[in-house]
Amino acid sequence: MAHVAVDLATEKATLTTNGRRICVGDFELTMFSDGNYWLDGGPLFGIIPKALWLKKVACDDKNRVVLGLNSLLIRGASKTVLIETGIGNKFGEHVRKVFEPEARLLDNLAAAGVAPDCIDIVINTHLHFDHCGWNTVLKDGRAVPTFPRATYYAPEGEWQHGQKQYLRDRVSYISDNYNPLIQSGQMKLVKEDSEIIPGVSVRTVPGHTRYMQVVMIESHGQKACYVSDLIPTAAHLDLLWLMAYDLFPMETIENKKRFYDEAIPGRWLVIFTHDPAIPWGYVKEMGTGKYGVEPAP
């Protein structure tokens, strides 16, 4: 099934992802949305002409596309794990007007009975602001952990890159999302591919950033992968459909190829971070370098 243009009604799009549930072996996976936000369609699709990407997604009169913020809650192995924490609420007024973030993650977790102190582990695939925004909340002007009992994990090289504040991408890094956690020892920096808990591991997949990771979930022969910004939405499945935000685009292409070589024959459940309508599904090769997704139940 090909990805089709999404409705621009953000409320409708959000409701299609939040609360969806599926099992992978002994793990129960539940999708929790931080709501949607807007991003210019040009950089979202890089060198792909607008005439082509408009066949897959809609845009408004400002050329903006609706993106989702899909966080994944994993229950199993006697732990509760949260992958990504959305965009959060630390933006100033100007940035809020640009992205119009809905900042719903904590409300959506609470509505399902998941309190912040229920979370044992938080995994950030990388440290761009739309992946770790609710790591912390501001209290009396100071960033404190949102999930007080959790151990947080993030790639060490990603943190080092963010600390250098390169002109090219410094806007993507908000230090209050992670530095207080590192200073307190609550965030562990991962240097290489690692198992976080039995059945849940991280793999480094360079392309979007040098040290970005994906998260593997494996149980009883079944596998799922939270692919982060390797494939941000189902509209980005084809090998050359990349974002202008990818720092190493040729590596993104090669790592997508390697990913498909495993995920398609293995029938992995592929979990998309930013798709507002299709949070997960099974990737299929359609021939001539084209790929589609079969949405999961």
Protein backbone atom coordinates (compact mmCIF):
# COMPACT_ATOMS: atom_id res chain seq x y z
CA MET A 1 0.00 0.00 0.00
CA ALA A 2 1.46 3.37 -1.00
CA HIS A 3 1.51 6.30 1.35
CA VAL A 4 -1.17 8.83 0.40
CA ALA A 5 -1.55 12.54 1.08
CA VAL A 6 -2.55 13.24 4.68
CA ASP A 7 -5.40 15.45 5.79
CA LEU A 8 -4.19 18.82 7.05
CA ALA A 9 -6.58 18.68 9.99
CA THR A 10 -4.04 18.20 12.76
CA GLU A 11 -6.54 16.94 15.31
CA LYS A 12 -7.63 14.15 13.00
CA ALA A 13 -4.06 13.20 12.19
CA THR A 14 -3.01 13.11 15.84
CA LEU A 15 -5.87 10.86 16.84
CA THR A 16 -4.92 8.27 14.23
CA THR A 17 -1.58 7.59 15.94
CA ASN A 18 -2.08 8.17 19.66
CA GLY A 19 -2.91 5.11 21.73
CA ARG A 20 -2.35 2.51 19.02
CA ARG A 21 -1.11 -0.76 20.46
CA ILE A 22 0.59 -3.86 19.10
CA CYS A 23 2.60 -6.77 20.51
CA VAL A 24 6.04 -7.92 19.39
CA GLY A 25 6.61 -11.23 21.13
CA ASP A 26 6.37 -10.55 24.86
CA PHE A 27 6.66 -6.78 24.43
CA GLU A 28 3.58 -4.57 24.33
CA LEU A 29 4.15 -1.44 22.23
CA THR A 30 1.89 1.60 22.60
CA MET A 31 2.17 4.77 20.54
CA PHE A 32 1.88 8.07 22.37
CA SER A 33 1.78 11.29 20.40
CA ASP A 34 3.18 14.66 21.42
CA GLY A 35 0.74 16.08 18.89
CA ASN A 36 1.74 17.47 15.54
CA TYR A 37 3.85 20.35 14.31
CA TRP A 38 4.45 22.15 11.03
CA LEU A 39 7.60 22.02 8.93
CA ASP A 40 8.40 23.55 5.54
CA GLY A 41 7.99 20.92 2.84
CA GLY A 42 11.11 22.04 0.97
CA PRO A 43 13.77 20.93 3.47
CA LEU A 44 11.57 18.03 4.57
CA PHE A 45 11.99 16.46 1.11
CA GLY A 46 15.36 17.90 0.10
CA ILE A 47 16.04 17.56 -3.63
CA ILE A 48 12.65 15.98 -4.41
CA PRO A 49 10.55 18.42 -6.50
CA LYS A 50 7.40 19.72 -4.91
CA ALA A 51 5.33 18.37 -7.80
CA LEU A 52 6.36 14.87 -6.71
CA TRP A 53 6.08 15.12 -2.93
CA LEU A 54 2.67 16.77 -3.21
CA LYS A 55 1.39 13.45 -4.53
CA LYS A 56 2.16 11.93 -1.13
CA VAL A 57 1.53 14.71 1.40
CA ALA A 58 -0.46 17.93 1.50
CA CYS A 59 0.86 21.38 2.38
CA ASP A 60 -0.76 24.64 3.42
CA ASP A 61 -0.47 28.02 1.70
CA LYS A 62 2.84 28.60 3.51
CA ASN A 63 4.32 25.40 2.03
CA ARG A 64 4.17 23.72 5.46
CA VAL A 65 3.55 20.01 6.00
CA VAL A 66 2.01 18.43 9.10
CA LEU A 67 4.42 16.12 10.93
CA GLY A 68 3.73 13.78 13.82
CA LEU A 69 5.71 13.29 17.00
CA ASN A 70 5.39 9.60 17.79
CA SER A 71 6.88 8.35 21.04
CA LEU A 72 6.85 4.61 21.73
CA LEU A 73 6.11 3.07 25.11
CA ILE A 74 7.47 -0.46 25.55
CA ARG A 75 6.26 -2.69 28.37
CA GLY A 76 8.10 -5.95 29.00
CA ALA A 77 11.12 -7.53 30.68
CA SER A 78 9.84 -5.98 33.94
CA LYS A 79 10.60 -2.49 32.59
CA THR A 80 8.69 0.40 31.07
CA VAL A 81 10.70 2.08 28.32
CA LEU A 82 9.88 5.32 26.49
CA ILE A 83 11.53 5.95 23.13
CA GLU A 84 11.76 9.68 22.32
CA THR A 85 10.00 12.45 24.24
CA GLY A 86 8.66 14.66 21.46
CA ILE A 87 9.11 18.38 21.02
CA GLY A 88 8.22 19.58 24.52
CA ASN A 89 7.27 23.10 25.58
CA LYS A 90 10.51 25.06 26.01
CA PHE A 91 10.22 27.22 22.91
CA GLY A 92 9.92 30.98 23.00
CA GLU A 93 6.99 32.72 21.37
CA HIS A 94 8.69 33.24 17.98
CA VAL A 95 9.60 29.56 17.54
CA ARG A 96 6.18 28.44 18.73
CA LYS A 97 4.63 30.51 15.93
CA VAL A 98 6.87 28.80 13.38
CA PHE A 99 6.27 25.19 14.42
CA GLU A 100 2.95 25.48 16.29
CA PRO A 101 3.76 22.45 18.48
CA GLU A 102 0.87 20.93 20.40
CA ALA A 103 2.99 19.52 23.27
CA ARG A 104 0.54 16.75 24.20
CA LEU A 105 2.81 13.89 25.28
CA LEU A 106 2.42 14.23 29.05
CA ASP A 107 -1.34 14.72 28.74
CA ASN A 108 -1.67 11.67 26.50
CA LEU A 109 0.42 9.53 28.84
CA ALA A 110 -1.63 10.71 31.82
CA ALA A 111 -4.91 9.92 30.04
CA ALA A 112 -3.68 6.33 29.71
CA GLY A 113 -2.68 6.15 33.37
CA VAL A 114 1.06 6.43 32.70
CA ALA A 115 2.52 8.80 35.30
CA PRO A 116 6.06 10.23 34.85
CA ASP A 117 7.37 8.07 37.70
CA CYS A 118 6.14 4.93 35.89
CA ILE A 119 8.92 5.28 33.31
CA ASP A 120 12.06 3.25 34.04
CA ILE A 121 14.08 4.07 30.91
CA VAL A 122 14.04 6.84 28.29
CA ILE A 123 15.91 6.35 25.00
CA ASN A 124 16.76 9.29 22.74
CA THR A 125 17.87 8.21 19.25
CA HIS A 126 19.56 11.59 18.88
CA LEU A 127 19.30 14.97 20.57
CA HIS A 128 17.47 17.21 18.09
CA PHE A 129 14.84 19.23 19.90
CA ASP A 130 11.90 17.31 18.37
CA HIS A 131 13.14 14.02 19.82
CA CYS A 132 14.02 14.92 23.41
CA GLY A 133 11.88 17.95 24.26
CA TRP A 134 10.07 16.40 27.23
CA ASN A 135 13.24 14.93 28.73
CA THR A 136 13.03 17.84 31.14
CA VAL A 137 10.53 20.46 32.25
CA LEU A 138 11.20 23.95 33.51
CA LYS A 139 10.58 24.45 37.22
CA ASP A 140 11.32 27.86 38.71
CA GLY A 141 13.34 28.62 35.58
CA ARG A 142 15.49 25.48 35.90
CA ALA A 143 15.33 22.32 33.79
CA VAL A 144 14.54 19.25 35.90
CA PRO A 145 13.83 15.63 34.85
CA THR A 146 10.33 14.99 33.60
CA PHE A 147 10.68 11.30 34.46
CA PRO A 148 12.27 11.33 37.93
CA ARG A 149 12.95 7.58 38.25
CA ALA A 150 14.13 6.98 34.70
CA THR A 151 17.61 6.30 33.42
CA TYR A 152 18.03 8.18 30.14
CA TYR A 153 20.17 6.93 27.24
CA ALA A 154 21.53 8.94 24.28
CA PRO A 155 24.49 8.60 21.87
CA GLU A 156 27.69 10.07 23.28
CA GLY A 157 28.88 11.39 19.91
CA GLU A 158 25.55 13.10 19.40
CA TRP A 159 25.90 14.96 22.69
CA GLN A 160 29.48 15.97 21.84
CA HIS A 161 28.33 17.30 18.47
CA GLY A 162 25.55 19.33 20.07
CA GLN A 163 27.95 20.87 22.57
CA LYS A 164 30.06 22.31 19.74
CA GLN A 165 27.14 24.37 18.40
CA TYR A 166 28.09 24.24 14.73
CA LEU A 167 26.56 26.98 12.61
CA ARG A 168 25.00 24.38 10.30
CA ASP A 169 22.71 22.79 12.90
CA ARG A 170 23.05 24.50 16.27
CA VAL A 171 19.37 25.49 16.14
CA SER A 172 18.53 21.78 16.48
CA TYR A 173 20.13 21.44 19.92
CA ILE A 174 18.61 22.80 23.13
CA SER A 175 21.01 22.02 25.98
CA ASP A 176 18.32 22.16 28.68
CA ASN A 177 16.87 19.00 27.13
CA TYR A 178 19.88 16.93 28.16
CA ASN A 179 22.77 18.74 29.91
CA PRO A 180 21.10 18.83 33.35
CA LEU A 181 20.51 15.06 33.08
CA ILE A 182 24.14 14.41 32.17
CA GLN A 183 25.37 16.63 35.00
CA SER A 184 23.21 14.75 37.51
CA GLY A 185 24.24 11.33 36.18
CA GLN A 186 20.69 10.44 35.19
CA MET A 187 21.57 10.30 31.46
CA LYS A 188 23.97 7.61 30.29
CA LEU A 189 25.88 8.31 27.07
CA VAL A 190 26.14 5.29 24.77
CA LYS A 191 29.35 4.95 22.73
CA GLU A 192 28.38 2.08 20.41
CA ASP A 193 25.69 -0.47 19.59
CA SER A 194 24.35 -1.60 22.96
CA GLU A 195 21.62 -3.66 24.61
CA ILE A 196 19.61 -1.44 26.96
CA ILE A 197 17.49 -4.23 28.43
CA PRO A 198 17.10 -7.82 27.21
CA GLY A 199 15.36 -7.55 23.82
CA VAL A 200 15.76 -3.77 23.42
CA SER A 201 18.96 -2.46 21.86
CA VAL A 202 20.32 0.52 19.94
CA ARG A 203 22.25 0.56 16.65
CA THR A 204 24.21 3.50 15.28
CA VAL A 205 22.98 4.46 11.80
CA PRO A 206 24.88 7.48 10.42
CA GLY A 207 23.27 9.77 7.88
CA HIS A 208 20.84 12.18 9.46
CA THR A 209 23.56 12.86 12.01
CA ARG A 210 26.86 11.04 12.48
CA TYR A 211 25.79 9.23 15.66
CA MET A 212 22.02 8.82 15.35
CA GLN A 213 20.70 5.46 16.51
CA VAL A 214 17.69 3.29 15.78
CA VAL A 215 16.07 1.10 18.43
CA MET A 216 15.60 -2.63 17.91
CA ILE A 217 12.91 -4.60 19.75
CA GLU A 218 13.18 -8.41 19.54
CA SER A 219 11.18 -11.17 21.19
CA HIS A 220 10.35 -14.76 20.20
CA GLY A 221 11.66 -14.31 16.67
CA GLN A 222 9.65 -11.14 16.04
CA LYS A 223 11.42 -7.84 15.42
CA ALA A 224 10.48 -4.17 15.34
CA CYS A 225 12.62 -1.12 14.66
CA TYR A 226 12.02 2.47 15.69
CA VAL A 227 13.82 4.01 12.70
CA SER A 228 13.97 7.62 13.89
CA ASP A 229 15.05 10.02 11.13
CA LEU A 230 16.59 7.34 8.94
CA ILE A 231 13.05 7.16 7.47
CA PRO A 232 11.10 9.94 9.19
CA THR A 233 7.75 9.23 7.52
CA ALA A 234 6.29 6.61 5.20
CA ALA A 235 6.58 9.22 2.42
CA HIS A 236 10.39 8.92 2.73
CA LEU A 237 10.61 5.19 2.01
CA ASP A 238 12.21 5.43 -1.43
CA LEU A 239 15.99 5.47 -1.24
CA LEU A 240 16.53 8.97 -2.64
CA TRP A 241 13.72 10.65 -0.69
CA LEU A 242 15.85 12.33 1.97
CA MET A 243 15.63 15.44 4.09
CA ALA A 244 17.82 18.48 3.55
CA TYR A 245 18.50 18.17 7.28
CA ASP A 246 20.53 14.98 6.70
CA LEU A 247 24.16 15.93 7.32
CA PHE A 248 25.48 12.88 5.45
CA PRO A 249 22.95 12.08 2.71
CA MET A 250 25.01 9.44 0.92
CA GLU A 251 25.29 7.52 4.18
CA THR A 252 21.54 7.82 4.71
CA ILE A 253 20.99 6.14 1.34
CA GLU A 254 23.44 3.32 2.08
CA ASN A 255 21.97 2.71 5.52
CA LYS A 256 18.43 2.63 4.14
CA LYS A 257 19.60 -0.04 1.69
CA ARG A 258 21.14 -2.09 4.50
CA PHE A 259 18.04 -1.65 6.61
CA TYR A 260 15.73 -2.92 3.86
CA ASP A 261 18.01 -5.90 3.26
CA GLU A 262 17.16 -7.05 6.80
CA ALA A 263 13.75 -5.55 7.50
CA ILE A 264 11.86 -6.65 4.38
CA PRO A 265 12.71 -10.38 4.36
CA GLY A 266 12.54 -10.44 8.17
CA ARG A 267 9.14 -8.72 8.14
CA TRP A 268 10.15 -6.26 10.81
CA LEU A 269 7.58 -3.87 12.17
CA VAL A 270 8.93 -0.44 11.13
CA ILE A 271 8.00 2.44 13.45
CA PHE A 272 7.99 5.98 12.04
CA THR A 273 8.79 8.96 14.28
CA HIS A 274 7.17 11.72 12.26
CA ASP A 275 4.33 10.23 10.23
CA PRO A 276 1.06 11.77 11.51
CA ALA A 277 -1.14 9.02 10.07
CA ILE A 278 0.95 5.82 9.75
CA PRO A 279 2.91 5.22 12.96
CA TRP A 280 4.08 1.76 11.96
CA GLY A 281 3.86 -0.89 9.28
CA TYR A 282 5.70 -3.47 7.18
CA VAL A 283 7.88 -2.21 4.33
CA LYS A 284 7.48 -3.85 0.93
CA GLU A 285 9.58 -3.51 -2.20
CA MET A 286 7.37 -2.42 -5.09
CA GLY A 287 9.98 -2.88 -7.85
CA THR A 288 12.21 -0.41 -9.75
CA GLY A 289 13.57 1.03 -6.52
CA LYS A 290 10.16 1.91 -5.09
CA TYR A 291 8.93 0.97 -1.64
CA GLY A 292 5.55 0.95 0.06
CA VAL A 293 4.21 0.20 3.51
CA GLU A 294 1.54 -2.21 4.68
CA PRO A 295 0.07 -0.56 7.79
CA ALA A 296 0.06 -2.75 10.86
CA PRO A 297 -3.31 -3.57 12.47
